[in-house]
Amino acid sequence: MSIKFTETVALESLGASIGTVRDAYDNAAAETVMGLYKNEAAAKNSPFITGPLQTLADVEKLIFDW
């Protein structure tokens, strides 16, 4: 955790909702989104892929289309 984030949370009288170190629940939402991305957008038969992904712009277009 960044010190600045922790200070901001404290200044706003908010409770942190971040899990403990090495807690499997910390990244559950991110892991779910990445799993969906891999299965829906980046799969070989994905309707979002219109050609080979050769450049960063190709990947960015795929992400935005997805």
C-alpha atoms as a PDB file:
ATOM      1  CA  MET A   1       0.000   0.000   0.000  1.00  0.00           C
ATOM      2  CA  SER A   2       1.272   3.395  -0.773  1.00  0.00           C
ATOM      3  CA  ILE A   3       1.732   5.689   2.160  1.00  0.00           C
ATOM      4  CA  LYS A   4      -0.167   8.460   0.369  1.00  0.00           C
ATOM      5  CA  PHE A   5      -3.201   6.226  -0.214  1.00  0.00           C
ATOM      6  CA  THR A   6      -3.218   5.160   3.433  1.00  0.00           C
ATOM      7  CA  GLU A   7      -2.991   8.779   4.572  1.00  0.00           C
ATOM      8  CA  THR A   8      -5.834   9.822   2.258  1.00  0.00           C
ATOM      9  CA  VAL A   9      -8.068   7.023   3.519  1.00  0.00           C
ATOM     10  CA  ALA A  10      -7.378   8.101   7.106  1.00  0.00           C
ATOM     11  CA  LEU A  11      -7.989  11.805   6.355  1.00  0.00           C
ATOM     12  CA  GLU A  12     -11.374  11.000   4.828  1.00  0.00           C
ATOM     13  CA  SER A  13     -12.294   8.825   7.837  1.00  0.00           C
ATOM     14  CA  LEU A  14     -12.742   5.826   5.585  1.00  0.00           C
ATOM     15  CA  GLY A  15     -12.029   2.231   6.473  1.00  0.00           C
ATOM     16  CA  ALA A  16      -9.617   0.419   4.222  1.00  0.00           C
ATOM     17  CA  SER A  17     -11.170  -2.438   2.304  1.00  0.00           C
ATOM     18  CA  ILE A  18      -7.895  -3.964   1.212  1.00  0.00           C
ATOM     19  CA  GLY A  19      -7.158  -7.481   2.490  1.00  0.00           C
ATOM     20  CA  THR A  20      -4.073  -8.641   4.303  1.00  0.00           C
ATOM     21  CA  VAL A  21      -0.774  -9.488   2.634  1.00  0.00           C
ATOM     22  CA  ARG A  22      -0.978 -12.707   0.574  1.00  0.00           C
ATOM     23  CA  ASP A  23      -4.754 -12.698   0.936  1.00  0.00           C
ATOM     24  CA  ALA A  24      -6.374 -14.468  -2.020  1.00  0.00           C
ATOM     25  CA  TYR A  25      -9.344 -12.100  -1.967  1.00  0.00           C
ATOM     26  CA  ASP A  26      -7.262  -8.999  -2.753  1.00  0.00           C
ATOM     27  CA  ASN A  27      -7.175  -9.604  -6.478  1.00  0.00           C
ATOM     28  CA  ALA A  28     -10.374 -11.577  -6.988  1.00  0.00           C
ATOM     29  CA  ALA A  29     -12.113  -8.897  -9.045  1.00  0.00           C
ATOM     30  CA  ALA A  30      -9.049  -8.226 -11.194  1.00  0.00           C
ATOM     31  CA  GLU A  31      -8.483 -11.937 -11.750  1.00  0.00           C
ATOM     32  CA  THR A  32     -12.105 -12.350 -12.825  1.00  0.00           C
ATOM     33  CA  VAL A  33     -11.849  -9.534 -15.357  1.00  0.00           C
ATOM     34  CA  MET A  34      -8.553 -10.883 -16.713  1.00  0.00           C
ATOM     35  CA  GLY A  35     -10.069 -14.352 -17.037  1.00  0.00           C
ATOM     36  CA  LEU A  36     -13.031 -12.971 -18.958  1.00  0.00           C
ATOM     37  CA  TYR A  37     -10.689 -10.941 -21.156  1.00  0.00           C
ATOM     38  CA  LYS A  38      -8.596 -13.990 -22.009  1.00  0.00           C
ATOM     39  CA  ASN A  39     -11.645 -16.138 -22.761  1.00  0.00           C
ATOM     40  CA  GLU A  40     -13.801 -13.570 -24.548  1.00  0.00           C
ATOM     41  CA  ALA A  41     -11.471 -11.089 -26.217  1.00  0.00           C
ATOM     42  CA  ALA A  42      -8.104 -12.731 -26.745  1.00  0.00           C
ATOM     43  CA  ALA A  43      -9.244 -16.258 -27.647  1.00  0.00           C
ATOM     44  CA  LYS A  44      -8.432 -17.515 -31.153  1.00  0.00           C
ATOM     45  CA  ASN A  45     -12.088 -17.551 -32.230  1.00  0.00           C
ATOM     46  CA  SER A  46     -12.966 -14.228 -30.618  1.00  0.00           C
ATOM     47  CA  PRO A  47     -15.320 -11.987 -32.603  1.00  0.00           C
ATOM     48  CA  PHE A  48     -13.340  -9.009 -31.289  1.00  0.00           C
ATOM     49  CA  ILE A  49     -10.144  -9.956 -33.139  1.00  0.00           C
ATOM     50  CA  THR A  50     -10.213  -8.646 -36.693  1.00  0.00           C
ATOM     51  CA  GLY A  51      -6.640  -9.541 -37.620  1.00  0.00           C
ATOM     52  CA  PRO A  52      -3.231 -10.344 -36.158  1.00  0.00           C
ATOM     53  CA  LEU A  53      -2.217  -8.487 -33.004  1.00  0.00           C
ATOM     54  CA  GLN A  54       1.111  -7.058 -34.091  1.00  0.00           C
ATOM     55  CA  THR A  55       1.242  -3.623 -32.502  1.00  0.00           C
ATOM     56  CA  LEU A  56       0.201  -1.935 -29.299  1.00  0.00           C
ATOM     57  CA  ALA A  57      -2.521  -0.150 -31.271  1.00  0.00           C
ATOM     58  CA  ASP A  58      -3.950  -3.546 -32.310  1.00  0.00           C
ATOM     59  CA  VAL A  59      -4.151  -4.642 -28.677  1.00  0.00           C
ATOM     60  CA  GLU A  60      -5.639  -1.313 -27.571  1.00  0.00           C
ATOM     61  CA  LYS A  61      -8.341  -1.574 -30.262  1.00  0.00           C
ATOM     62  CA  LEU A  62      -9.142  -5.114 -29.141  1.00  0.00           C
ATOM     63  CA  ILE A  63      -9.473  -3.990 -25.519  1.00  0.00           C
ATOM     64  CA  PHE A  64     -11.703  -1.027 -26.358  1.00  0.00           C
ATOM     65  CA  ASP A  65     -13.884  -3.105 -28.674  1.00  0.00           C
ATOM     66  CA  TRP A  66     -14.253  -5.747 -25.970  1.00  0.00           C
END
